[in-house]
Amino acid sequence: MKRKVYIETSVASYLTARPSRDLVAAANQELTYEWWTYHRGRYELYVSDVVLREAARGDAEAAARRLSELRDIDVLAIDVEALTLSRIFLQRKLLPPAAVEDALHVAIATVEGMDFLLTWNCRHIANGEIFGQLAGICQEFGYVAPILCTPQQLMGD
């Protein structure tokens, strides 16, 4: 049985963006391309309505490229449980008030039983300083938090 991966919007953005002049961003783009090309087949992939909304924003051509890459991936709905859990993350100040969508990504992936949440958002999502607290809240409400990681961290052998 394949493990389940929630693909957060930043992964699609790095995958489809024009090559960056910034060395770190360019390396992350290359790692994303490598994961998408050679490793994603090992997993069941999921996105959410939140991902699709975020991916559709901005420059029309860039949005079309992002949405094209995400088109065949199963879409998870936002349900009451995920909304409730995301509000708790925000109420307990694990994420800033403006990070509503980031809280939703983590909550949806958690409620839907994802094994991993794949992201390049290391400020609010794949952040080692807050992961333990997020996982604790998830456990408090009867859930197991997914592993929050970047494509580089999910390359395997």
N, C-alpha and C. Protein backbone atom coordinates (compact mmCIF):
# COMPACT_ATOMS: atom_id res chain seq x y z
N MET A 1 0.84 -1.19 0.00
CA MET A 1 0.00 0.00 0.00
C MET A 1 0.88 1.26 0.00
N LYS A 2 0.58 2.15 -0.90
CA LYS A 2 1.35 3.39 -1.00
C LYS A 2 1.00 4.34 0.13
N ARG A 3 2.01 5.07 0.61
CA ARG A 3 1.75 6.09 1.61
C ARG A 3 1.17 7.33 0.94
N LYS A 4 0.43 8.10 1.72
CA LYS A 4 -0.32 9.24 1.19
C LYS A 4 0.42 10.56 1.45
N VAL A 5 0.49 11.39 0.38
CA VAL A 5 1.18 12.67 0.46
C VAL A 5 0.23 13.78 0.05
N TYR A 6 0.10 14.76 0.92
CA TYR A 6 -0.63 16.00 0.63
C TYR A 6 0.37 16.96 0.01
N ILE A 7 0.08 17.41 -1.20
CA ILE A 7 0.95 18.34 -1.92
C ILE A 7 0.47 19.77 -1.64
N GLU A 8 1.27 20.55 -0.94
CA GLU A 8 0.94 21.94 -0.63
C GLU A 8 1.35 22.81 -1.82
N THR A 9 0.76 23.96 -1.94
CA THR A 9 0.87 24.82 -3.11
C THR A 9 2.30 25.19 -3.48
N SER A 10 3.16 25.39 -2.51
CA SER A 10 4.53 25.81 -2.82
C SER A 10 5.27 24.79 -3.67
N VAL A 11 4.92 23.52 -3.55
CA VAL A 11 5.57 22.49 -4.36
C VAL A 11 5.23 22.70 -5.84
N ALA A 12 3.95 22.93 -6.13
CA ALA A 12 3.55 23.21 -7.51
C ALA A 12 4.19 24.49 -8.02
N SER A 13 4.33 25.47 -7.15
CA SER A 13 4.95 26.74 -7.54
C SER A 13 6.42 26.54 -7.90
N TYR A 14 7.16 25.82 -7.08
CA TYR A 14 8.58 25.57 -7.37
C TYR A 14 8.72 24.71 -8.62
N LEU A 15 7.81 23.77 -8.81
CA LEU A 15 7.87 22.87 -9.96
C LEU A 15 7.70 23.61 -11.28
N THR A 16 6.84 24.60 -11.30
CA THR A 16 6.46 25.23 -12.57
C THR A 16 7.02 26.63 -12.79
N ALA A 17 7.71 27.17 -11.80
CA ALA A 17 8.24 28.54 -11.92
C ALA A 17 9.39 28.61 -12.91
N ARG A 18 9.60 29.81 -13.46
CA ARG A 18 10.79 30.04 -14.28
C ARG A 18 12.02 29.84 -13.40
N PRO A 19 13.12 29.37 -13.97
CA PRO A 19 14.32 29.15 -13.16
C PRO A 19 14.72 30.42 -12.40
N SER A 20 14.97 30.24 -11.13
CA SER A 20 15.33 31.36 -10.27
C SER A 20 16.81 31.70 -10.39
N ARG A 21 17.13 32.97 -10.19
CA ARG A 21 18.53 33.40 -10.14
C ARG A 21 19.11 33.20 -8.74
N ASP A 22 18.23 33.10 -7.75
CA ASP A 22 18.65 32.85 -6.38
C ASP A 22 19.12 31.39 -6.27
N LEU A 23 20.32 31.18 -5.77
CA LEU A 23 20.89 29.83 -5.75
C LEU A 23 20.07 28.84 -4.92
N VAL A 24 19.60 29.26 -3.76
CA VAL A 24 18.82 28.36 -2.92
C VAL A 24 17.48 28.03 -3.58
N ALA A 25 16.80 29.04 -4.10
CA ALA A 25 15.52 28.80 -4.77
C ALA A 25 15.72 27.91 -6.00
N ALA A 26 16.79 28.15 -6.76
CA ALA A 26 17.07 27.32 -7.93
C ALA A 26 17.32 25.87 -7.53
N ALA A 27 18.06 25.67 -6.45
CA ALA A 27 18.30 24.30 -5.97
C ALA A 27 16.99 23.65 -5.53
N ASN A 28 16.14 24.40 -4.85
CA ASN A 28 14.85 23.86 -4.42
C ASN A 28 13.97 23.53 -5.63
N GLN A 29 14.04 24.33 -6.66
CA GLN A 29 13.29 24.04 -7.89
C GLN A 29 13.79 22.72 -8.49
N GLU A 30 15.09 22.55 -8.54
CA GLU A 30 15.65 21.33 -9.11
C GLU A 30 15.27 20.10 -8.27
N LEU A 31 15.33 20.24 -6.95
CA LEU A 31 14.93 19.14 -6.07
C LEU A 31 13.45 18.79 -6.25
N THR A 32 12.64 19.81 -6.43
CA THR A 32 11.21 19.59 -6.64
C THR A 32 10.99 18.84 -7.95
N TYR A 33 11.66 19.27 -9.01
CA TYR A 33 11.55 18.60 -10.30
C TYR A 33 11.99 17.14 -10.16
N GLU A 34 13.08 16.90 -9.47
CA GLU A 34 13.58 15.53 -9.28
C GLU A 34 12.56 14.68 -8.53
N TRP A 35 12.01 15.22 -7.44
CA TRP A 35 11.01 14.45 -6.68
C TRP A 35 9.79 14.16 -7.55
N TRP A 36 9.31 15.19 -8.25
CA TRP A 36 8.10 15.06 -9.08
C TRP A 36 8.31 14.04 -10.19
N THR A 37 9.49 14.04 -10.78
CA THR A 37 9.78 13.17 -11.91
C THR A 37 10.09 11.73 -11.49
N TYR A 38 10.86 11.56 -10.43
CA TYR A 38 11.38 10.24 -10.09
C TYR A 38 10.80 9.59 -8.84
N HIS A 39 10.15 10.36 -7.97
CA HIS A 39 9.73 9.80 -6.68
C HIS A 39 8.23 9.81 -6.42
N ARG A 40 7.49 10.69 -7.06
CA ARG A 40 6.08 10.82 -6.72
C ARG A 40 5.27 9.56 -7.00
N GLY A 41 5.71 8.75 -7.93
CA GLY A 41 5.00 7.52 -8.26
C GLY A 41 4.94 6.51 -7.13
N ARG A 42 5.77 6.71 -6.12
CA ARG A 42 5.78 5.80 -4.96
C ARG A 42 4.68 6.12 -3.96
N TYR A 43 3.94 7.21 -4.21
CA TYR A 43 2.97 7.70 -3.24
C TYR A 43 1.61 7.93 -3.88
N GLU A 44 0.57 7.92 -3.04
CA GLU A 44 -0.75 8.40 -3.44
C GLU A 44 -0.74 9.90 -3.17
N LEU A 45 -1.03 10.71 -4.18
CA LEU A 45 -0.96 12.16 -4.03
C LEU A 45 -2.34 12.76 -3.85
N TYR A 46 -2.39 13.81 -3.02
CA TYR A 46 -3.62 14.53 -2.76
C TYR A 46 -3.33 16.02 -2.68
N VAL A 47 -4.31 16.81 -3.08
CA VAL A 47 -4.32 18.24 -2.85
C VAL A 47 -5.66 18.56 -2.21
N SER A 48 -5.88 19.82 -1.92
CA SER A 48 -7.18 20.24 -1.37
C SER A 48 -7.72 21.40 -2.20
N ASP A 49 -8.96 21.75 -1.90
CA ASP A 49 -9.54 22.94 -2.51
C ASP A 49 -8.70 24.18 -2.21
N VAL A 50 -8.07 24.21 -1.04
CA VAL A 50 -7.22 25.34 -0.67
C VAL A 50 -6.03 25.42 -1.62
N VAL A 51 -5.41 24.29 -1.90
CA VAL A 51 -4.27 24.26 -2.83
C VAL A 51 -4.69 24.77 -4.20
N LEU A 52 -5.82 24.30 -4.69
CA LEU A 52 -6.28 24.71 -6.02
C LEU A 52 -6.60 26.20 -6.08
N ARG A 53 -7.18 26.72 -5.02
CA ARG A 53 -7.46 28.17 -4.97
C ARG A 53 -6.16 28.97 -4.99
N GLU A 54 -5.21 28.56 -4.17
CA GLU A 54 -3.93 29.27 -4.13
C GLU A 54 -3.20 29.16 -5.46
N ALA A 55 -3.22 27.98 -6.06
CA ALA A 55 -2.51 27.74 -7.32
C ALA A 55 -3.11 28.57 -8.46
N ALA A 56 -4.38 28.91 -8.36
CA ALA A 56 -5.06 29.68 -9.41
C ALA A 56 -4.78 31.18 -9.33
N ARG A 57 -4.15 31.62 -8.25
CA ARG A 57 -3.89 33.06 -8.07
C ARG A 57 -2.69 33.52 -8.88
N GLY A 58 -2.62 34.83 -9.07
CA GLY A 58 -1.45 35.43 -9.68
C GLY A 58 -1.49 35.43 -11.19
N ASP A 59 -0.31 35.50 -11.78
CA ASP A 59 -0.15 35.54 -13.23
C ASP A 59 -0.91 34.37 -13.87
N ALA A 60 -1.69 34.67 -14.89
CA ALA A 60 -2.55 33.66 -15.52
C ALA A 60 -1.76 32.51 -16.11
N GLU A 61 -0.65 32.79 -16.77
CA GLU A 61 0.15 31.71 -17.36
C GLU A 61 0.77 30.82 -16.28
N ALA A 62 1.31 31.45 -15.25
CA ALA A 62 1.91 30.69 -14.15
C ALA A 62 0.85 29.85 -13.44
N ALA A 63 -0.32 30.43 -13.22
CA ALA A 63 -1.42 29.69 -12.58
C ALA A 63 -1.82 28.50 -13.44
N ALA A 64 -1.89 28.69 -14.75
CA ALA A 64 -2.27 27.59 -15.65
C ALA A 64 -1.25 26.45 -15.56
N ARG A 65 0.05 26.78 -15.47
CA ARG A 65 1.08 25.74 -15.34
C ARG A 65 0.93 24.98 -14.02
N ARG A 66 0.68 25.71 -12.94
CA ARG A 66 0.51 25.06 -11.63
C ARG A 66 -0.70 24.12 -11.67
N LEU A 67 -1.82 24.65 -12.15
CA LEU A 67 -3.05 23.86 -12.18
C LEU A 67 -2.92 22.65 -13.11
N SER A 68 -2.18 22.79 -14.17
CA SER A 68 -1.97 21.68 -15.09
C SER A 68 -1.24 20.52 -14.40
N GLU A 69 -0.24 20.83 -13.61
CA GLU A 69 0.50 19.78 -12.89
C GLU A 69 -0.36 19.10 -11.83
N LEU A 70 -1.32 19.83 -11.30
CA LEU A 70 -2.16 19.29 -10.21
C LEU A 70 -3.44 18.63 -10.71
N ARG A 71 -3.71 18.69 -12.00
CA ARG A 71 -5.02 18.32 -12.54
C ARG A 71 -5.44 16.89 -12.27
N ASP A 72 -4.55 15.93 -12.23
CA ASP A 72 -4.94 14.53 -12.06
C ASP A 72 -4.80 14.03 -10.62
N ILE A 73 -4.63 14.94 -9.70
CA ILE A 73 -4.44 14.56 -8.30
C ILE A 73 -5.79 14.66 -7.57
N ASP A 74 -6.07 13.66 -6.73
CA ASP A 74 -7.32 13.65 -5.97
C ASP A 74 -7.41 14.88 -5.07
N VAL A 75 -8.62 15.45 -5.02
CA VAL A 75 -8.85 16.69 -4.26
C VAL A 75 -9.61 16.38 -2.98
N LEU A 76 -9.06 16.82 -1.87
CA LEU A 76 -9.70 16.67 -0.56
C LEU A 76 -10.53 17.91 -0.27
N ALA A 77 -11.73 17.70 0.21
CA ALA A 77 -12.60 18.81 0.56
C ALA A 77 -12.22 19.36 1.93
N ILE A 78 -12.64 20.57 2.18
CA ILE A 78 -12.46 21.18 3.50
C ILE A 78 -13.70 20.85 4.30
N ASP A 79 -13.55 20.06 5.36
CA ASP A 79 -14.73 19.70 6.16
C ASP A 79 -14.69 20.42 7.52
N VAL A 80 -15.73 20.22 8.28
CA VAL A 80 -15.87 20.90 9.57
C VAL A 80 -14.73 20.54 10.51
N GLU A 81 -14.32 19.28 10.50
CA GLU A 81 -13.23 18.86 11.39
C GLU A 81 -11.93 19.60 11.07
N ALA A 82 -11.63 19.73 9.79
CA ALA A 82 -10.41 20.44 9.39
C ALA A 82 -10.50 21.92 9.73
N LEU A 83 -11.67 22.52 9.50
CA LEU A 83 -11.85 23.93 9.87
C LEU A 83 -11.65 24.13 11.36
N THR A 84 -12.21 23.24 12.16
CA THR A 84 -12.09 23.34 13.61
C THR A 84 -10.63 23.21 14.05
N LEU A 85 -9.94 22.21 13.50
CA LEU A 85 -8.54 22.00 13.89
C LEU A 85 -7.68 23.19 13.46
N SER A 86 -7.92 23.73 12.27
CA SER A 86 -7.13 24.88 11.82
C SER A 86 -7.36 26.08 12.73
N ARG A 87 -8.60 26.28 13.17
CA ARG A 87 -8.88 27.39 14.11
C ARG A 87 -8.14 27.21 15.42
N ILE A 88 -8.04 25.98 15.88
CA ILE A 88 -7.33 25.71 17.13
C ILE A 88 -5.83 26.04 16.96
N PHE A 89 -5.25 25.66 15.83
CA PHE A 89 -3.84 26.01 15.58
C PHE A 89 -3.65 27.53 15.68
N LEU A 90 -4.58 28.26 15.10
CA LEU A 90 -4.48 29.73 15.11
C LEU A 90 -4.77 30.31 16.49
N GLN A 91 -5.79 29.79 17.18
CA GLN A 91 -6.15 30.29 18.51
C GLN A 91 -5.02 30.08 19.50
N ARG A 92 -4.29 28.99 19.35
CA ARG A 92 -3.18 28.71 20.26
C ARG A 92 -1.89 29.37 19.81
N LYS A 93 -1.99 30.19 18.78
CA LYS A 93 -0.90 31.03 18.30
C LYS A 93 0.32 30.24 17.81
N LEU A 94 0.08 29.04 17.27
CA LEU A 94 1.17 28.30 16.66
C LEU A 94 1.52 28.88 15.30
N LEU A 95 0.53 29.52 14.68
CA LEU A 95 0.71 30.19 13.41
C LEU A 95 0.15 31.59 13.55
N PRO A 96 0.71 32.56 12.81
CA PRO A 96 0.17 33.93 12.91
C PRO A 96 -1.23 34.01 12.32
N PRO A 97 -2.01 35.00 12.73
CA PRO A 97 -3.39 35.14 12.25
C PRO A 97 -3.52 35.16 10.73
N ALA A 98 -2.52 35.68 10.04
CA ALA A 98 -2.59 35.77 8.58
C ALA A 98 -2.33 34.42 7.89
N ALA A 99 -1.92 33.41 8.63
CA ALA A 99 -1.56 32.12 8.05
C ALA A 99 -2.74 31.14 8.07
N VAL A 100 -3.92 31.64 7.79
CA VAL A 100 -5.13 30.81 7.81
C VAL A 100 -5.01 29.63 6.85
N GLU A 101 -4.55 29.90 5.63
CA GLU A 101 -4.45 28.82 4.64
C GLU A 101 -3.39 27.80 5.03
N ASP A 102 -2.31 28.25 5.64
CA ASP A 102 -1.28 27.31 6.10
C ASP A 102 -1.85 26.41 7.19
N ALA A 103 -2.61 26.98 8.10
CA ALA A 103 -3.26 26.18 9.15
C ALA A 103 -4.22 25.17 8.52
N LEU A 104 -4.93 25.59 7.49
CA LEU A 104 -5.85 24.67 6.80
C LEU A 104 -5.11 23.53 6.13
N HIS A 105 -3.98 23.82 5.50
CA HIS A 105 -3.21 22.73 4.88
C HIS A 105 -2.87 21.65 5.91
N VAL A 106 -2.33 22.08 7.04
CA VAL A 106 -1.93 21.12 8.07
C VAL A 106 -3.16 20.39 8.60
N ALA A 107 -4.24 21.11 8.84
CA ALA A 107 -5.45 20.49 9.39
C ALA A 107 -6.08 19.50 8.42
N ILE A 108 -6.18 19.86 7.16
CA ILE A 108 -6.77 18.96 6.17
C ILE A 108 -5.92 17.69 6.04
N ALA A 109 -4.61 17.86 5.93
CA ALA A 109 -3.73 16.70 5.81
C ALA A 109 -3.84 15.80 7.04
N THR A 110 -4.00 16.41 8.21
CA THR A 110 -4.12 15.65 9.44
C THR A 110 -5.44 14.89 9.50
N VAL A 111 -6.53 15.59 9.32
CA VAL A 111 -7.86 14.99 9.41
C VAL A 111 -8.05 13.88 8.38
N GLU A 112 -7.45 14.05 7.21
CA GLU A 112 -7.59 13.07 6.13
C GLU A 112 -6.59 11.92 6.23
N GLY A 113 -5.78 11.92 7.28
CA GLY A 113 -4.88 10.79 7.52
C GLY A 113 -3.70 10.69 6.58
N MET A 114 -3.19 11.82 6.12
CA MET A 114 -2.02 11.81 5.25
C MET A 114 -0.79 11.37 6.04
N ASP A 115 0.11 10.67 5.37
CA ASP A 115 1.38 10.29 5.99
C ASP A 115 2.38 11.44 5.97
N PHE A 116 2.32 12.22 4.87
CA PHE A 116 3.24 13.34 4.69
C PHE A 116 2.49 14.57 4.18
N LEU A 117 2.98 15.74 4.55
CA LEU A 117 2.56 16.99 3.95
C LEU A 117 3.82 17.56 3.30
N LEU A 118 3.82 17.63 1.98
CA LEU A 118 4.99 18.06 1.23
C LEU A 118 4.89 19.55 0.94
N THR A 119 5.91 20.31 1.31
CA THR A 119 5.87 21.77 1.21
C THR A 119 7.27 22.36 1.15
N TRP A 120 7.35 23.57 0.60
CA TRP A 120 8.56 24.38 0.73
C TRP A 120 8.30 25.53 1.70
N ASN A 121 7.15 25.56 2.32
CA ASN A 121 6.84 26.61 3.30
C ASN A 121 7.44 26.19 4.64
N CYS A 122 8.69 26.58 4.84
CA CYS A 122 9.38 26.21 6.07
C CYS A 122 9.20 27.25 7.17
N ARG A 123 8.50 28.30 6.86
CA ARG A 123 8.23 29.33 7.86
C ARG A 123 7.05 28.93 8.75
N HIS A 124 5.97 28.48 8.13
CA HIS A 124 4.75 28.17 8.88
C HIS A 124 4.38 26.70 8.90
N ILE A 125 4.92 25.90 8.00
CA ILE A 125 4.45 24.51 7.92
C ILE A 125 5.58 23.54 8.29
N ALA A 126 6.58 23.39 7.44
CA ALA A 126 7.68 22.45 7.72
C ALA A 126 8.69 23.14 8.62
N ASN A 127 8.27 23.44 9.83
CA ASN A 127 9.07 24.21 10.77
C ASN A 127 9.27 23.37 12.03
N GLY A 128 10.50 22.94 12.24
CA GLY A 128 10.80 22.08 13.37
C GLY A 128 10.47 22.67 14.72
N GLU A 129 10.46 23.99 14.83
CA GLU A 129 10.18 24.64 16.11
C GLU A 129 8.72 24.52 16.51
N ILE A 130 7.82 24.41 15.53
CA ILE A 130 6.40 24.32 15.88
C ILE A 130 5.80 22.93 15.67
N PHE A 131 6.55 22.04 14.99
CA PHE A 131 5.97 20.73 14.68
C PHE A 131 5.51 19.97 15.92
N GLY A 132 6.33 19.95 16.94
CA GLY A 132 5.97 19.21 18.16
C GLY A 132 4.67 19.72 18.77
N GLN A 133 4.49 21.03 18.76
CA GLN A 133 3.26 21.61 19.30
C GLN A 133 2.07 21.28 18.42
N LEU A 134 2.25 21.36 17.09
CA LEU A 134 1.16 20.98 16.17
C LEU A 134 0.79 19.52 16.38
N ALA A 135 1.79 18.66 16.46
CA ALA A 135 1.54 17.23 16.66
C ALA A 135 0.83 16.98 17.99
N GLY A 136 1.21 17.74 19.01
CA GLY A 136 0.56 17.59 20.32
C GLY A 136 -0.91 17.97 20.27
N ILE A 137 -1.23 19.05 19.58
CA ILE A 137 -2.63 19.45 19.44
C ILE A 137 -3.40 18.40 18.64
N CYS A 138 -2.80 17.91 17.58
CA CYS A 138 -3.46 16.87 16.79
C CYS A 138 -3.76 15.65 17.67
N GLN A 139 -2.79 15.23 18.44
CA GLN A 139 -2.98 14.08 19.33
C GLN A 139 -4.05 14.36 20.38
N GLU A 140 -4.07 15.57 20.91
CA GLU A 140 -5.08 15.96 21.90
C GLU A 140 -6.50 15.76 21.36
N PHE A 141 -6.67 15.95 20.06
CA PHE A 141 -7.99 15.83 19.45
C PHE A 141 -8.18 14.51 18.70
N GLY A 142 -7.29 13.55 18.96
CA GLY A 142 -7.46 12.21 18.42
C GLY A 142 -6.90 11.97 17.03
N TYR A 143 -5.99 12.82 16.58
CA TYR A 143 -5.40 12.69 15.25
C TYR A 143 -3.90 12.43 15.36
N VAL A 144 -3.34 11.95 14.27
CA VAL A 144 -1.90 11.82 14.14
C VAL A 144 -1.46 12.81 13.06
N ALA A 145 -0.58 13.71 13.40
CA ALA A 145 -0.11 14.71 12.44
C ALA A 145 0.75 14.02 11.38
N PRO A 146 0.63 14.48 10.12
CA PRO A 146 1.52 13.94 9.09
C PRO A 146 2.94 14.46 9.32
N ILE A 147 3.89 13.80 8.70
CA ILE A 147 5.25 14.31 8.70
C ILE A 147 5.28 15.50 7.76
N LEU A 148 5.76 16.63 8.24
CA LEU A 148 5.83 17.86 7.45
C LEU A 148 7.24 17.95 6.88
N CYS A 149 7.36 17.91 5.54
CA CYS A 149 8.69 17.85 4.96
C CYS A 149 8.75 18.49 3.58
N THR A 150 9.97 18.69 3.11
CA THR A 150 10.21 19.23 1.77
C THR A 150 10.43 18.06 0.81
N PRO A 151 10.37 18.33 -0.50
CA PRO A 151 10.69 17.26 -1.45
C PRO A 151 12.07 16.64 -1.22
N GLN A 152 13.03 17.45 -0.84
CA GLN A 152 14.37 16.94 -0.58
C GLN A 152 14.36 15.88 0.53
N GLN A 153 13.52 16.08 1.52
CA GLN A 153 13.46 15.16 2.65
C GLN A 153 12.64 13.91 2.35
N LEU A 154 11.96 13.88 1.21
CA LEU A 154 11.12 12.73 0.86
C LEU A 154 11.64 12.02 -0.39
N MET A 155 12.93 12.08 -0.60
CA MET A 155 13.53 11.44 -1.76
C MET A 155 13.71 9.94 -1.56
N GLY A 156 13.86 9.51 -0.32
CA GLY A 156 14.10 8.09 -0.09
C GLY A 156 15.51 7.70 -0.47
N ASP A 157 15.67 6.44 -0.79
CA ASP A 157 17.01 5.92 -1.14
C ASP A 157 17.43 6.36 -2.51
